[in-house]
mmCIF file of all heavy atoms, coordinates in Angstrom:
data_MODEL
# 
_entry.id   MODEL 
# 
loop_
_atom_site.group_PDB 
_atom_site.id 
_atom_site.type_symbol 
_atom_site.label_atom_id 
_atom_site.label_alt_id 
_atom_site.label_comp_id 
_atom_site.label_asym_id 
_atom_site.label_entity_id 
_atom_site.label_seq_id 
_atom_site.pdbx_PDB_ins_code 
_atom_site.Cartn_x 
_atom_site.Cartn_y 
_atom_site.Cartn_z 
_atom_site.occupancy 
_atom_site.B_iso_or_equiv 
_atom_site.pdbx_formal_charge 
_atom_site.auth_seq_id 
_atom_site.auth_comp_id 
_atom_site.auth_asym_id 
_atom_site.auth_atom_id 
_atom_site.pdbx_PDB_model_num 
ATOM 1   N N   . LEU A 1 1  ? -19.819 -13.221 12.117 1.00 0.00 ? 1  LEU A N   1 
ATOM 2   C CA  . LEU A 1 1  ? -19.178 -13.273 10.807 1.00 0.00 ? 1  LEU A CA  1 
ATOM 3   C C   . LEU A 1 1  ? -18.508 -11.924 10.535 1.00 0.00 ? 1  LEU A C   1 
ATOM 4   O O   . LEU A 1 1  ? -19.131 -10.873 10.694 1.00 0.00 ? 1  LEU A O   1 
ATOM 5   C CB  . LEU A 1 1  ? -20.189 -13.575 9.696  1.00 0.00 ? 1  LEU A CB  1 
ATOM 6   C CG  . LEU A 1 1  ? -20.649 -15.037 9.562  1.00 0.00 ? 1  LEU A CG  1 
ATOM 7   C CD1 . LEU A 1 1  ? -21.600 -15.404 10.678 1.00 0.00 ? 1  LEU A CD1 1 
ATOM 8   C CD2 . LEU A 1 1  ? -21.292 -15.264 8.203  1.00 0.00 ? 1  LEU A CD2 1 
ATOM 9   N N   . VAL A 1 2  ? -17.249 -11.969 10.143 1.00 0.00 ? 2  VAL A N   1 
ATOM 10  C CA  . VAL A 1 2  ? -16.497 -10.755 9.831  1.00 0.00 ? 2  VAL A CA  1 
ATOM 11  C C   . VAL A 1 2  ? -15.901 -10.903 8.443  1.00 0.00 ? 2  VAL A C   1 
ATOM 12  O O   . VAL A 1 2  ? -15.308 -11.939 8.121  1.00 0.00 ? 2  VAL A O   1 
ATOM 13  C CB  . VAL A 1 2  ? -15.365 -10.516 10.864 1.00 0.00 ? 2  VAL A CB  1 
ATOM 14  C CG1 . VAL A 1 2  ? -14.565 -9.275  10.495 1.00 0.00 ? 2  VAL A CG1 1 
ATOM 15  C CG2 . VAL A 1 2  ? -15.942 -10.380 12.263 1.00 0.00 ? 2  VAL A CG2 1 
ATOM 16  N N   . ARG A 1 3  ? -16.075 -9.893  7.630  1.00 0.00 ? 3  ARG A N   1 
ATOM 17  C CA  . ARG A 1 3  ? -15.455 -9.910  6.304  1.00 0.00 ? 3  ARG A CA  1 
ATOM 18  C C   . ARG A 1 3  ? -14.713 -8.591  6.089  1.00 0.00 ? 3  ARG A C   1 
ATOM 19  O O   . ARG A 1 3  ? -15.065 -7.574  6.677  1.00 0.00 ? 3  ARG A O   1 
ATOM 20  C CB  . ARG A 1 3  ? -16.508 -10.099 5.203  1.00 0.00 ? 3  ARG A CB  1 
ATOM 21  C CG  . ARG A 1 3  ? -17.515 -8.974  5.100  1.00 0.00 ? 3  ARG A CG  1 
ATOM 22  C CD  . ARG A 1 3  ? -18.478 -9.210  3.938  1.00 0.00 ? 3  ARG A CD  1 
ATOM 23  N NE  . ARG A 1 3  ? -19.484 -8.179  3.834  1.00 0.00 ? 3  ARG A NE  1 
ATOM 24  C CZ  . ARG A 1 3  ? -19.290 -6.998  3.252  1.00 0.00 ? 3  ARG A CZ  1 
ATOM 25  N NH1 . ARG A 1 3  ? -18.117 -6.716  2.719  1.00 0.00 ? 3  ARG A NH1 1 
ATOM 26  N NH2 . ARG A 1 3  ? -20.261 -6.112  3.211  1.00 0.00 ? 3  ARG A NH2 1 
ATOM 27  N N   . PRO A 1 4  ? -13.684 -8.585  5.242  1.00 0.00 ? 4  PRO A N   1 
ATOM 28  C CA  . PRO A 1 4  ? -12.931 -7.347  4.994  1.00 0.00 ? 4  PRO A CA  1 
ATOM 29  C C   . PRO A 1 4  ? -13.788 -6.324  4.267  1.00 0.00 ? 4  PRO A C   1 
ATOM 30  O O   . PRO A 1 4  ? -14.610 -6.677  3.420  1.00 0.00 ? 4  PRO A O   1 
ATOM 31  C CB  . PRO A 1 4  ? -11.750 -7.817  4.122  1.00 0.00 ? 4  PRO A CB  1 
ATOM 32  C CG  . PRO A 1 4  ? -12.207 -9.104  3.510  1.00 0.00 ? 4  PRO A CG  1 
ATOM 33  C CD  . PRO A 1 4  ? -13.130 -9.735  4.505  1.00 0.00 ? 4  PRO A CD  1 
ATOM 34  N N   . VAL A 1 5  ? -13.586 -5.056  4.601  1.00 0.00 ? 5  VAL A N   1 
ATOM 35  C CA  . VAL A 1 5  ? -14.375 -3.991  3.978  1.00 0.00 ? 5  VAL A CA  1 
ATOM 36  C C   . VAL A 1 5  ? -13.583 -3.265  2.892  1.00 0.00 ? 5  VAL A C   1 
ATOM 37  O O   . VAL A 1 5  ? -14.152 -2.477  2.142  1.00 0.00 ? 5  VAL A O   1 
ATOM 38  C CB  . VAL A 1 5  ? -14.859 -2.977  5.028  1.00 0.00 ? 5  VAL A CB  1 
ATOM 39  C CG1 . VAL A 1 5  ? -15.795 -3.645  6.006  1.00 0.00 ? 5  VAL A CG1 1 
ATOM 40  C CG2 . VAL A 1 5  ? -13.678 -2.352  5.778  1.00 0.00 ? 5  VAL A CG2 1 
ATOM 41  N N   . ALA A 1 6  ? -12.281 -3.524  2.809  1.00 0.00 ? 6  ALA A N   1 
ATOM 42  C CA  . ALA A 1 6  ? -11.474 -2.822  1.799  1.00 0.00 ? 6  ALA A CA  1 
ATOM 43  C C   . ALA A 1 6  ? -10.279 -3.677  1.414  1.00 0.00 ? 6  ALA A C   1 
ATOM 44  O O   . ALA A 1 6  ? -9.753  -4.443  2.227  1.00 0.00 ? 6  ALA A O   1 
ATOM 45  C CB  . ALA A 1 6  ? -10.997 -1.478  2.332  1.00 0.00 ? 6  ALA A CB  1 
ATOM 46  N N   . ARG A 1 7  ? -9.883  -3.569  0.170  1.00 0.00 ? 7  ARG A N   1 
ATOM 47  C CA  . ARG A 1 7  ? -8.635  -4.163  -0.300 1.00 0.00 ? 7  ARG A CA  1 
ATOM 48  C C   . ARG A 1 7  ? -7.915  -3.123  -1.131 1.00 0.00 ? 7  ARG A C   1 
ATOM 49  O O   . ARG A 1 7  ? -8.493  -2.583  -2.088 1.00 0.00 ? 7  ARG A O   1 
ATOM 50  C CB  . ARG A 1 7  ? -8.894  -5.432  -1.108 1.00 0.00 ? 7  ARG A CB  1 
ATOM 51  C CG  . ARG A 1 7  ? -7.585  -6.104  -1.553 1.00 0.00 ? 7  ARG A CG  1 
ATOM 52  C CD  . ARG A 1 7  ? -7.806  -7.465  -2.147 1.00 0.00 ? 7  ARG A CD  1 
ATOM 53  N NE  . ARG A 1 7  ? -6.538  -8.068  -2.553 1.00 0.00 ? 7  ARG A NE  1 
ATOM 54  C CZ  . ARG A 1 7  ? -6.409  -9.263  -3.085 1.00 0.00 ? 7  ARG A CZ  1 
ATOM 55  N NH1 . ARG A 1 7  ? -7.489  -10.020 -3.270 1.00 0.00 ? 7  ARG A NH1 1 
ATOM 56  N NH2 . ARG A 1 7  ? -5.222  -9.737  -3.426 1.00 0.00 ? 7  ARG A NH2 1 
ATOM 57  N N   . LYS A 1 8  ? -6.692  -2.829  -0.770 1.00 0.00 ? 8  LYS A N   1 
ATOM 58  C CA  . LYS A 1 8  ? -5.935  -1.771  -1.429 1.00 0.00 ? 8  LYS A CA  1 
ATOM 59  C C   . LYS A 1 8  ? -4.672  -2.322  -2.076 1.00 0.00 ? 8  LYS A C   1 
ATOM 60  O O   . LYS A 1 8  ? -4.157  -3.373  -1.689 1.00 0.00 ? 8  LYS A O   1 
ATOM 61  C CB  . LYS A 1 8  ? -5.554  -0.683  -0.417 1.00 0.00 ? 8  LYS A CB  1 
ATOM 62  C CG  . LYS A 1 8  ? -6.711  0.157   0.092  1.00 0.00 ? 8  LYS A CG  1 
ATOM 63  C CD  . LYS A 1 8  ? -6.188  1.289   0.970  1.00 0.00 ? 8  LYS A CD  1 
ATOM 64  C CE  . LYS A 1 8  ? -7.289  2.221   1.424  1.00 0.00 ? 8  LYS A CE  1 
ATOM 65  N NZ  . LYS A 1 8  ? -6.749  3.340   2.229  1.00 0.00 ? 8  LYS A NZ  1 
ATOM 66  N N   . LYS A 1 9  ? -4.180  -1.555  -3.046 1.00 0.00 ? 9  LYS A N   1 
ATOM 67  C CA  . LYS A 1 9  ? -2.865  -1.787  -3.610 1.00 0.00 ? 9  LYS A CA  1 
ATOM 68  C C   . LYS A 1 9  ? -1.916  -0.740  -3.025 1.00 0.00 ? 9  LYS A C   1 
ATOM 69  O O   . LYS A 1 9  ? -2.347  0.308   -2.535 1.00 0.00 ? 9  LYS A O   1 
ATOM 70  C CB  . LYS A 1 9  ? -2.903  -1.673  -5.137 1.00 0.00 ? 9  LYS A CB  1 
ATOM 71  C CG  . LYS A 1 9  ? -3.803  -2.705  -5.812 1.00 0.00 ? 9  LYS A CG  1 
ATOM 72  C CD  . LYS A 1 9  ? -3.800  -2.513  -7.314 1.00 0.00 ? 9  LYS A CD  1 
ATOM 73  C CE  . LYS A 1 9  ? -4.706  -3.540  -7.998 1.00 0.00 ? 9  LYS A CE  1 
ATOM 74  N NZ  . LYS A 1 9  ? -4.737  -3.337  -9.472 1.00 0.00 ? 9  LYS A NZ  1 
ATOM 75  N N   . LEU A 1 10 ? -0.623  -1.028  -3.089 1.00 0.00 ? 10 LEU A N   1 
ATOM 76  C CA  . LEU A 1 10 ? 0.345   -0.094  -2.521 1.00 0.00 ? 10 LEU A CA  1 
ATOM 77  C C   . LEU A 1 10 ? 0.243   1.273   -3.185 1.00 0.00 ? 10 LEU A C   1 
ATOM 78  O O   . LEU A 1 10 ? 0.409   2.316   -2.524 1.00 0.00 ? 10 LEU A O   1 
ATOM 79  C CB  . LEU A 1 10 ? 1.766   -0.654  -2.670 1.00 0.00 ? 10 LEU A CB  1 
ATOM 80  C CG  . LEU A 1 10 ? 2.826   0.006   -1.774 1.00 0.00 ? 10 LEU A CG  1 
ATOM 81  C CD1 . LEU A 1 10 ? 2.543   -0.274  -0.311 1.00 0.00 ? 10 LEU A CD1 1 
ATOM 82  C CD2 . LEU A 1 10 ? 4.221   -0.495  -2.143 1.00 0.00 ? 10 LEU A CD2 1 
ATOM 83  N N   . ILE A 1 11 ? -0.079  1.296   -4.473 1.00 0.00 ? 11 ILE A N   1 
ATOM 84  C CA  . ILE A 1 11 ? -0.179  2.564   -5.190 1.00 0.00 ? 11 ILE A CA  1 
ATOM 85  C C   . ILE A 1 11 ? -1.305  3.436   -4.634 1.00 0.00 ? 11 ILE A C   1 
ATOM 86  O O   . ILE A 1 11 ? -1.270  4.672   -4.742 1.00 0.00 ? 11 ILE A O   1 
ATOM 87  C CB  . ILE A 1 11 ? -0.369  2.311   -6.707 1.00 0.00 ? 11 ILE A CB  1 
ATOM 88  C CG1 . ILE A 1 11 ? -0.130  3.592   -7.500 1.00 0.00 ? 11 ILE A CG1 1 
ATOM 89  C CG2 . ILE A 1 11 ? -1.750  1.722   -6.988 1.00 0.00 ? 11 ILE A CG2 1 
ATOM 90  C CD1 . ILE A 1 11 ? -0.112  3.388   -8.993 1.00 0.00 ? 11 ILE A CD1 1 
ATOM 91  N N   . ASP A 1 12 ? -2.308  2.816   -4.005 1.00 0.00 ? 12 ASP A N   1 
ATOM 92  C CA  . ASP A 1 12 ? -3.431  3.573   -3.443 1.00 0.00 ? 12 ASP A CA  1 
ATOM 93  C C   . ASP A 1 12 ? -3.009  4.439   -2.267 1.00 0.00 ? 12 ASP A C   1 
ATOM 94  O O   . ASP A 1 12 ? -3.721  5.383   -1.904 1.00 0.00 ? 12 ASP A O   1 
ATOM 95  C CB  . ASP A 1 12 ? -4.550  2.627   -2.999 1.00 0.00 ? 12 ASP A CB  1 
ATOM 96  C CG  . ASP A 1 12 ? -5.164  1.871   -4.169 1.00 0.00 ? 12 ASP A CG  1 
ATOM 97  O OD1 . ASP A 1 12 ? -5.184  2.422   -5.290 1.00 0.00 ? 12 ASP A OD1 1 
ATOM 98  O OD2 . ASP A 1 12 ? -5.614  0.721   -3.972 1.00 0.00 ? 12 ASP A OD2 1 
ATOM 99  N N   . TYR A 1 13 ? -1.878  4.125   -1.639 1.00 0.00 ? 13 TYR A N   1 
ATOM 100 C CA  . TYR A 1 13 ? -1.410  4.911   -0.500 1.00 0.00 ? 13 TYR A CA  1 
ATOM 101 C C   . TYR A 1 13 ? -0.644  6.164   -0.935 1.00 0.00 ? 13 TYR A C   1 
ATOM 102 O O   . TYR A 1 13 ? -0.275  6.978   -0.079 1.00 0.00 ? 13 TYR A O   1 
ATOM 103 C CB  . TYR A 1 13 ? -0.532  4.052   0.410  1.00 0.00 ? 13 TYR A CB  1 
ATOM 104 C CG  . TYR A 1 13 ? -1.309  2.989   1.140  1.00 0.00 ? 13 TYR A CG  1 
ATOM 105 C CD1 . TYR A 1 13 ? -1.510  1.723   0.574  1.00 0.00 ? 13 TYR A CD1 1 
ATOM 106 C CD2 . TYR A 1 13 ? -1.876  3.232   2.383  1.00 0.00 ? 13 TYR A CD2 1 
ATOM 107 C CE1 . TYR A 1 13 ? -2.237  0.738   1.245  1.00 0.00 ? 13 TYR A CE1 1 
ATOM 108 C CE2 . TYR A 1 13 ? -2.607  2.246   3.062  1.00 0.00 ? 13 TYR A CE2 1 
ATOM 109 C CZ  . TYR A 1 13 ? -2.781  1.009   2.473  1.00 0.00 ? 13 TYR A CZ  1 
ATOM 110 O OH  . TYR A 1 13 ? -3.512  0.033   3.130  1.00 0.00 ? 13 TYR A OH  1 
ATOM 111 N N   . LYS A 1 14 ? -0.391  6.293   -2.247 1.00 0.00 ? 14 LYS A N   1 
ATOM 112 C CA  . LYS A 1 14 ? 0.253   7.491   -2.811 1.00 0.00 ? 14 LYS A CA  1 
ATOM 113 C C   . LYS A 1 14 ? 1.563   7.813   -2.098 1.00 0.00 ? 14 LYS A C   1 
ATOM 114 O O   . LYS A 1 14 ? 1.809   8.936   -1.665 1.00 0.00 ? 14 LYS A O   1 
ATOM 115 C CB  . LYS A 1 14 ? -0.706  8.684   -2.746 1.00 0.00 ? 14 LYS A CB  1 
ATOM 116 C CG  . LYS A 1 14 ? -2.010  8.467   -3.515 1.00 0.00 ? 14 LYS A CG  1 
ATOM 117 C CD  . LYS A 1 14 ? -2.948  9.637   -3.366 1.00 0.00 ? 14 LYS A CD  1 
ATOM 118 C CE  . LYS A 1 14 ? -4.261  9.369   -4.099 1.00 0.00 ? 14 LYS A CE  1 
ATOM 119 N NZ  . LYS A 1 14 ? -5.241  10.478  -3.931 1.00 0.00 ? 14 LYS A NZ  1 
ATOM 120 N N   . LEU A 1 15 ? 2.410   6.804   -1.990 1.00 0.00 ? 15 LEU A N   1 
ATOM 121 C CA  . LEU A 1 15 ? 3.682   6.978   -1.300 1.00 0.00 ? 15 LEU A CA  1 
ATOM 122 C C   . LEU A 1 15 ? 4.703   7.651   -2.200 1.00 0.00 ? 15 LEU A C   1 
ATOM 123 O O   . LEU A 1 15 ? 4.750   7.388   -3.410 1.00 0.00 ? 15 LEU A O   1 
ATOM 124 C CB  . LEU A 1 15 ? 4.221   5.618   -0.853 1.00 0.00 ? 15 LEU A CB  1 
ATOM 125 C CG  . LEU A 1 15 ? 3.334   4.815   0.105  1.00 0.00 ? 15 LEU A CG  1 
ATOM 126 C CD1 . LEU A 1 15 ? 3.976   3.468   0.385  1.00 0.00 ? 15 LEU A CD1 1 
ATOM 127 C CD2 . LEU A 1 15 ? 3.105   5.566   1.381  1.00 0.00 ? 15 LEU A CD2 1 
ATOM 128 N N   . PRO A 1 16 ? 5.561   8.505   -1.641 1.00 0.00 ? 16 PRO A N   1 
ATOM 129 C CA  . PRO A 1 16 ? 6.665   9.065   -2.420 1.00 0.00 ? 16 PRO A CA  1 
ATOM 130 C C   . PRO A 1 16 ? 7.583   7.970   -2.938 1.00 0.00 ? 16 PRO A C   1 
ATOM 131 O O   . PRO A 1 16 ? 7.694   6.902   -2.346 1.00 0.00 ? 16 PRO A O   1 
ATOM 132 C CB  . PRO A 1 16 ? 7.390   9.968   -1.414 1.00 0.00 ? 16 PRO A CB  1 
ATOM 133 C CG  . PRO A 1 16 ? 6.383   10.263  -0.348 1.00 0.00 ? 16 PRO A CG  1 
ATOM 134 C CD  . PRO A 1 16 ? 5.509   9.044   -0.268 1.00 0.00 ? 16 PRO A CD  1 
ATOM 135 N N   . ASP A 1 17 ? 8.259   8.257   -4.039 1.00 0.00 ? 17 ASP A N   1 
ATOM 136 C CA  . ASP A 1 17 ? 9.160   7.277   -4.645 1.00 0.00 ? 17 ASP A CA  1 
ATOM 137 C C   . ASP A 1 17 ? 10.249  6.821   -3.679 1.00 0.00 ? 17 ASP A C   1 
ATOM 138 O O   . ASP A 1 17 ? 10.680  5.664   -3.722 1.00 0.00 ? 17 ASP A O   1 
ATOM 139 C CB  . ASP A 1 17 ? 9.801   7.858   -5.908 1.00 0.00 ? 17 ASP A CB  1 
ATOM 140 C CG  . ASP A 1 17 ? 8.788   8.037   -7.038 1.00 0.00 ? 17 ASP A CG  1 
ATOM 141 O OD1 . ASP A 1 17 ? 7.710   7.412   -6.970 1.00 0.00 ? 17 ASP A OD1 1 
ATOM 142 O OD2 . ASP A 1 17 ? 9.082   8.797   -7.972 1.00 0.00 ? 17 ASP A OD2 1 
ATOM 143 N N   . SER A 1 18 ? 10.697  7.726   -2.793 1.00 0.00 ? 18 SER A N   1 
ATOM 144 C CA  . SER A 1 18 ? 11.765  7.374   -1.866 1.00 0.00 ? 18 SER A CA  1 
ATOM 145 C C   . SER A 1 18 ? 11.307  6.274   -0.900 1.00 0.00 ? 18 SER A C   1 
ATOM 146 O O   . SER A 1 18 ? 12.079  5.366   -0.562 1.00 0.00 ? 18 SER A O   1 
ATOM 147 C CB  . SER A 1 18 ? 12.215  8.607   -1.073 1.00 0.00 ? 18 SER A CB  1 
ATOM 148 O OG  . SER A 1 18 ? 11.129  9.144   -0.323 1.00 0.00 ? 18 SER A OG  1 
ATOM 149 N N   . ILE A 1 19 ? 10.045  6.336   -0.463 1.00 0.00 ? 19 ILE A N   1 
ATOM 150 C CA  . ILE A 1 19 ? 9.529   5.333   0.462  1.00 0.00 ? 19 ILE A CA  1 
ATOM 151 C C   . ILE A 1 19 ? 9.307   4.012   -0.269 1.00 0.00 ? 19 ILE A C   1 
ATOM 152 O O   . ILE A 1 19 ? 9.638   2.941   0.247  1.00 0.00 ? 19 ILE A O   1 
ATOM 153 C CB  . ILE A 1 19 ? 8.225   5.825   1.113  1.00 0.00 ? 19 ILE A CB  1 
ATOM 154 C CG1 . ILE A 1 19 ? 8.515   7.057   1.971  1.00 0.00 ? 19 ILE A CG1 1 
ATOM 155 C CG2 . ILE A 1 19 ? 7.586   4.721   1.953  1.00 0.00 ? 19 ILE A CG2 1 
ATOM 156 C CD1 . ILE A 1 19 ? 7.282   7.676   2.577  1.00 0.00 ? 19 ILE A CD1 1 
ATOM 157 N N   . VAL A 1 20 ? 8.753   4.071   -1.480 1.00 0.00 ? 20 VAL A N   1 
ATOM 158 C CA  . VAL A 1 20 ? 8.566   2.847   -2.272 1.00 0.00 ? 20 VAL A CA  1 
ATOM 159 C C   . VAL A 1 20 ? 9.922   2.188   -2.523 1.00 0.00 ? 20 VAL A C   1 
ATOM 160 O O   . VAL A 1 20 ? 10.064  0.965   -2.429 1.00 0.00 ? 20 VAL A O   1 
ATOM 161 C CB  . VAL A 1 20 ? 7.850   3.155   -3.596 1.00 0.00 ? 20 VAL A CB  1 
ATOM 162 C CG1 . VAL A 1 20 ? 7.760   1.894   -4.457 1.00 0.00 ? 20 VAL A CG1 1 
ATOM 163 C CG2 . VAL A 1 20 ? 6.447   3.690   -3.330 1.00 0.00 ? 20 VAL A CG2 1 
ATOM 164 N N   . GLY A 1 21 ? 10.919  3.007   -2.822 1.00 0.00 ? 21 GLY A N   1 
ATOM 165 C CA  . GLY A 1 21 ? 12.258  2.475   -3.052 1.00 0.00 ? 21 GLY A CA  1 
ATOM 166 C C   . GLY A 1 21 ? 12.830  1.815   -1.811 1.00 0.00 ? 21 GLY A C   1 
ATOM 167 O O   . GLY A 1 21 ? 13.490  0.773   -1.901 1.00 0.00 ? 21 GLY A O   1 
ATOM 168 N N   . ARG A 1 22 ? 12.563  2.389   -0.639 1.00 0.00 ? 22 ARG A N   1 
ATOM 169 C CA  . ARG A 1 22 ? 13.043  1.774   0.600  1.00 0.00 ? 22 ARG A CA  1 
ATOM 170 C C   . ARG A 1 22 ? 12.349  0.440   0.837  1.00 0.00 ? 22 ARG A C   1 
ATOM 171 O O   . ARG A 1 22 ? 12.997  -0.552  1.206  1.00 0.00 ? 22 ARG A O   1 
ATOM 172 C CB  . ARG A 1 22 ? 12.815  2.711   1.787  1.00 0.00 ? 22 ARG A CB  1 
ATOM 173 C CG  . ARG A 1 22 ? 13.257  2.101   3.102  1.00 0.00 ? 22 ARG A CG  1 
ATOM 174 C CD  . ARG A 1 22 ? 13.191  3.070   4.271  1.00 0.00 ? 22 ARG A CD  1 
ATOM 175 N NE  . ARG A 1 22 ? 13.648  2.414   5.495  1.00 0.00 ? 22 ARG A NE  1 
ATOM 176 C CZ  . ARG A 1 22 ? 14.915  2.237   5.839  1.00 0.00 ? 22 ARG A CZ  1 
ATOM 177 N NH1 . ARG A 1 22 ? 15.879  2.680   5.044  1.00 0.00 ? 22 ARG A NH1 1 
ATOM 178 N NH2 . ARG A 1 22 ? 15.240  1.620   6.962  1.00 0.00 ? 22 ARG A NH2 1 
ATOM 179 N N   . LEU A 1 23 ? 11.041  0.382   0.638  1.00 0.00 ? 23 LEU A N   1 
ATOM 180 C CA  . LEU A 1 23 ? 10.305  -0.866  0.832  1.00 0.00 ? 23 LEU A CA  1 
ATOM 181 C C   . LEU A 1 23 ? 10.771  -1.939  -0.144 1.00 0.00 ? 23 LEU A C   1 
ATOM 182 O O   . LEU A 1 23 ? 10.814  -3.116  0.189  1.00 0.00 ? 23 LEU A O   1 
ATOM 183 C CB  . LEU A 1 23 ? 8.806   -0.623  0.663  1.00 0.00 ? 23 LEU A CB  1 
ATOM 184 C CG  . LEU A 1 23 ? 8.131   0.262   1.714  1.00 0.00 ? 23 LEU A CG  1 
ATOM 185 C CD1 . LEU A 1 23 ? 6.687   0.531   1.330  1.00 0.00 ? 23 LEU A CD1 1 
ATOM 186 C CD2 . LEU A 1 23 ? 8.207   -0.371  3.090  1.00 0.00 ? 23 LEU A CD2 1 
ATOM 187 N N   . GLU A 1 24 ? 11.136  -1.528  -1.343 1.00 0.00 ? 24 GLU A N   1 
ATOM 188 C CA  . GLU A 1 24 ? 11.519  -2.475  -2.388 1.00 0.00 ? 24 GLU A CA  1 
ATOM 189 C C   . GLU A 1 24 ? 12.946  -2.967  -2.239 1.00 0.00 ? 24 GLU A C   1 
ATOM 190 O O   . GLU A 1 24 ? 13.241  -4.144  -2.502 1.00 0.00 ? 24 GLU A O   1 
ATOM 191 C CB  . GLU A 1 24 ? 11.334  -1.818  -3.755 1.00 0.00 ? 24 GLU A CB  1 
ATOM 192 C CG  . GLU A 1 24 ? 11.567  -2.740  -4.928 1.00 0.00 ? 24 GLU A CG  1 
ATOM 193 C CD  . GLU A 1 24 ? 11.255  -2.075  -6.258 1.00 0.00 ? 24 GLU A CD  1 
ATOM 194 O OE1 . GLU A 1 24 ? 11.076  -0.848  -6.286 1.00 0.00 ? 24 GLU A OE1 1 
ATOM 195 O OE2 . GLU A 1 24 ? 11.175  -2.784  -7.270 1.00 0.00 ? 24 GLU A OE2 1 
ATOM 196 N N   . ASN A 1 25 ? 13.853  -2.079  -1.794 1.00 0.00 ? 25 ASN A N   1 
ATOM 197 C CA  . ASN A 1 25 ? 15.275  -2.411  -1.860 1.00 0.00 ? 25 ASN A CA  1 
ATOM 198 C C   . ASN A 1 25 ? 15.983  -2.478  -0.516 1.00 0.00 ? 25 ASN A C   1 
ATOM 199 O O   . ASN A 1 25 ? 16.922  -3.261  -0.355 1.00 0.00 ? 25 ASN A O   1 
ATOM 200 C CB  . ASN A 1 25 ? 16.007  -1.380  -2.734 1.00 0.00 ? 25 ASN A CB  1 
ATOM 201 C CG  . ASN A 1 25 ? 15.457  -1.326  -4.144 1.00 0.00 ? 25 ASN A CG  1 
ATOM 202 O OD1 . ASN A 1 25 ? 15.255  -2.357  -4.773 1.00 0.00 ? 25 ASN A OD1 1 
ATOM 203 N ND2 . ASN A 1 25 ? 15.191  -0.118  -4.638 1.00 0.00 ? 25 ASN A ND2 1 
# 
């Protein structure tokens, strides 16, 4: 049996705005 040990949101990775903007647009 395997279960996930973590669930994150993108904000948890503390990405610069430029990278978030690239992923979004």
